[in-house]
Amino acid sequence: MATGPGLESLVDQTISVITNDGRNIVGILKGFDQATNIILDESHERVYSTKEGVQLLVLGLYIIRGDNISVIGELDEELDAHLDLSNLRAHPLKAVIH
């Protein structure tokens, strides 16, 4: 996981965050601290299912504690815009830490 200068380059960029409990949250990184607590704006959670398309749950301004983050990655907005999430089927992610 990137911290410090690694995350600094992602401020004001759209990122995808996978949490320890298997949630996928996408939003614009607005800030972070030394404990990798992050602030996302215009965020939503993507809920995956094998039976129906991806559900988007609007979260808005959202804070994620650093100790609950497994992976942070930059989102390719152009590629993401071409995805048809309503037809995408996938198993939900399992929790990383039980």
C-alpha atoms as a PDB file:
ATOM      1  CA  MET A   1       0.000   0.000   0.000  1.00  0.00           C
ATOM      2  CA  ALA A   2       1.320   3.406  -0.928  1.00  0.00           C
ATOM      3  CA  THR A   3       1.820   5.910   1.860  1.00  0.00           C
ATOM      4  CA  GLY A   4       3.267   9.396   2.125  1.00  0.00           C
ATOM      5  CA  PRO A   5       4.586  10.590  -1.251  1.00  0.00           C
ATOM      6  CA  GLY A   6       2.950   7.602  -2.994  1.00  0.00           C
ATOM      7  CA  LEU A   7      -0.526   8.765  -2.017  1.00  0.00           C
ATOM      8  CA  GLU A   8       0.349  12.413  -2.509  1.00  0.00           C
ATOM      9  CA  SER A   9       0.423  11.899  -6.275  1.00  0.00           C
ATOM     10  CA  LEU A  10      -3.137  10.504  -6.125  1.00  0.00           C
ATOM     11  CA  VAL A  11      -4.747  13.518  -4.405  1.00  0.00           C
ATOM     12  CA  ASP A  12      -7.642  14.828  -6.529  1.00  0.00           C
ATOM     13  CA  GLN A  13      -7.551  11.622  -8.605  1.00  0.00           C
ATOM     14  CA  THR A  14     -10.212   8.914  -8.725  1.00  0.00           C
ATOM     15  CA  ILE A  15      -9.082   5.875  -6.760  1.00  0.00           C
ATOM     16  CA  SER A  16     -10.434   2.464  -5.884  1.00  0.00           C
ATOM     17  CA  VAL A  17     -10.071   1.193  -2.324  1.00  0.00           C
ATOM     18  CA  ILE A  18     -10.484  -2.425  -1.221  1.00  0.00           C
ATOM     19  CA  THR A  19     -11.165  -2.655   2.499  1.00  0.00           C
ATOM     20  CA  ASN A  20     -10.265  -5.506   4.842  1.00  0.00           C
ATOM     21  CA  ASP A  21     -13.910  -6.579   4.926  1.00  0.00           C
ATOM     22  CA  GLY A  22     -14.049  -6.914   1.112  1.00  0.00           C
ATOM     23  CA  ARG A  23     -15.786  -3.664   0.170  1.00  0.00           C
ATOM     24  CA  ASN A  24     -14.814  -1.818  -3.042  1.00  0.00           C
ATOM     25  CA  ILE A  25     -15.151   1.944  -2.644  1.00  0.00           C
ATOM     26  CA  VAL A  26     -14.438   4.352  -5.500  1.00  0.00           C
ATOM     27  CA  GLY A  27     -14.049   8.101  -5.088  1.00  0.00           C
ATOM     28  CA  ILE A  28     -11.832  11.155  -5.453  1.00  0.00           C
ATOM     29  CA  LEU A  29      -8.968  11.203  -2.942  1.00  0.00           C
ATOM     30  CA  LYS A  30      -9.145  14.524  -1.090  1.00  0.00           C
ATOM     31  CA  GLY A  31      -6.679  13.895   1.702  1.00  0.00           C
ATOM     32  CA  PHE A  32      -4.856  11.439   3.944  1.00  0.00           C
ATOM     33  CA  ASP A  33      -2.733  11.414   7.077  1.00  0.00           C
ATOM     34  CA  GLN A  34       0.297   9.546   8.436  1.00  0.00           C
ATOM     35  CA  ALA A  35      -1.930   6.620   9.508  1.00  0.00           C
ATOM     36  CA  THR A  36      -3.255   6.344   5.911  1.00  0.00           C
ATOM     37  CA  ASN A  37      -6.731   7.425   6.989  1.00  0.00           C
ATOM     38  CA  ILE A  38      -8.209   8.751   3.748  1.00  0.00           C
ATOM     39  CA  ILE A  39     -10.953  11.180   2.754  1.00  0.00           C
ATOM     40  CA  LEU A  40     -12.885  10.437  -0.440  1.00  0.00           C
ATOM     41  CA  ASP A  41     -15.326  12.778  -2.167  1.00  0.00           C
ATOM     42  CA  GLU A  42     -18.071  11.814  -4.623  1.00  0.00           C
ATOM     43  CA  SER A  43     -17.618   8.224  -3.486  1.00  0.00           C
ATOM     44  CA  HIS A  44     -19.681   5.118  -4.028  1.00  0.00           C
ATOM     45  CA  GLU A  45     -19.437   1.474  -3.079  1.00  0.00           C
ATOM     46  CA  ARG A  46     -19.543  -1.156  -5.814  1.00  0.00           C
ATOM     47  CA  VAL A  47     -21.415  -4.243  -4.636  1.00  0.00           C
ATOM     48  CA  TYR A  48     -20.735  -7.298  -6.787  1.00  0.00           C
ATOM     49  CA  SER A  49     -23.079 -10.249  -7.279  1.00  0.00           C
ATOM     50  CA  THR A  50     -23.185 -13.380  -9.425  1.00  0.00           C
ATOM     51  CA  LYS A  51     -26.946 -12.959  -9.989  1.00  0.00           C
ATOM     52  CA  GLU A  52     -27.286  -9.306 -10.993  1.00  0.00           C
ATOM     53  CA  GLY A  53     -25.145  -6.398 -12.161  1.00  0.00           C
ATOM     54  CA  VAL A  54     -22.973  -4.287  -9.927  1.00  0.00           C
ATOM     55  CA  GLN A  55     -24.956  -2.121  -7.509  1.00  0.00           C
ATOM     56  CA  LEU A  56     -23.663   1.379  -6.823  1.00  0.00           C
ATOM     57  CA  LEU A  57     -24.347   2.649  -3.309  1.00  0.00           C
ATOM     58  CA  VAL A  58     -23.770   6.417  -3.115  1.00  0.00           C
ATOM     59  CA  LEU A  59     -21.642   7.391  -0.100  1.00  0.00           C
ATOM     60  CA  GLY A  60     -20.678  10.990  -0.937  1.00  0.00           C
ATOM     61  CA  LEU A  61     -17.949  12.420   1.300  1.00  0.00           C
ATOM     62  CA  TYR A  62     -16.473   9.385   3.051  1.00  0.00           C
ATOM     63  CA  ILE A  63     -13.629   8.672   5.478  1.00  0.00           C
ATOM     64  CA  ILE A  64     -11.904   5.289   5.603  1.00  0.00           C
ATOM     65  CA  ARG A  65      -9.623   4.405   8.498  1.00  0.00           C
ATOM     66  CA  GLY A  66      -6.146   3.398   7.435  1.00  0.00           C
ATOM     67  CA  ASP A  67      -6.207   0.168   9.421  1.00  0.00           C
ATOM     68  CA  ASN A  68      -9.255  -0.946   7.398  1.00  0.00           C
ATOM     69  CA  ILE A  69      -7.560  -0.514   3.990  1.00  0.00           C
ATOM     70  CA  SER A  70      -6.107  -3.487   2.105  1.00  0.00           C
ATOM     71  CA  VAL A  71      -5.419  -1.963  -1.328  1.00  0.00           C
ATOM     72  CA  ILE A  72      -5.485   1.530  -2.840  1.00  0.00           C
ATOM     73  CA  GLY A  73      -5.197   1.940  -6.583  1.00  0.00           C
ATOM     74  CA  GLU A  74      -5.601   4.657  -9.178  1.00  0.00           C
ATOM     75  CA  LEU A  75      -8.683   4.147 -11.358  1.00  0.00           C
ATOM     76  CA  ASP A  76      -8.375   4.524 -15.125  1.00  0.00           C
ATOM     77  CA  GLU A  77     -11.431   6.754 -15.598  1.00  0.00           C
ATOM     78  CA  GLU A  78     -11.509   6.343 -19.385  1.00  0.00           C
ATOM     79  CA  LEU A  79     -11.467   2.542 -19.177  1.00  0.00           C
ATOM     80  CA  ASP A  80     -13.933   2.574 -16.275  1.00  0.00           C
ATOM     81  CA  ALA A  81     -16.369   4.762 -18.261  1.00  0.00           C
ATOM     82  CA  HIS A  82     -16.573   2.047 -20.940  1.00  0.00           C
ATOM     83  CA  LEU A  83     -17.518  -0.715 -18.483  1.00  0.00           C
ATOM     84  CA  ASP A  84     -21.145  -1.795 -18.434  1.00  0.00           C
ATOM     85  CA  LEU A  85     -21.483  -2.469 -14.713  1.00  0.00           C
ATOM     86  CA  SER A  86     -25.126  -3.537 -15.115  1.00  0.00           C
ATOM     87  CA  ASN A  87     -23.975  -6.612 -17.065  1.00  0.00           C
ATOM     88  CA  LEU A  88     -20.905  -7.390 -14.964  1.00  0.00           C
ATOM     89  CA  ARG A  89     -21.205 -10.469 -12.732  1.00  0.00           C
ATOM     90  CA  ALA A  90     -18.657 -11.388 -10.088  1.00  0.00           C
ATOM     91  CA  HIS A  91     -18.420 -13.034  -6.705  1.00  0.00           C
ATOM     92  CA  PRO A  92     -18.275 -10.523  -3.842  1.00  0.00           C
ATOM     93  CA  LEU A  93     -14.809 -10.196  -2.316  1.00  0.00           C
ATOM     94  CA  LYS A  94     -14.198 -12.133   0.868  1.00  0.00           C
ATOM     95  CA  ALA A  95     -12.920 -10.397   3.964  1.00  0.00           C
ATOM     96  CA  VAL A  96      -9.135 -10.190   4.166  1.00  0.00           C
ATOM     97  CA  ILE A  97      -9.102 -10.169   7.966  1.00  0.00           C
ATOM     98  CA  HIS A  98     -11.629 -12.300   9.839  1.00  0.00           C
END
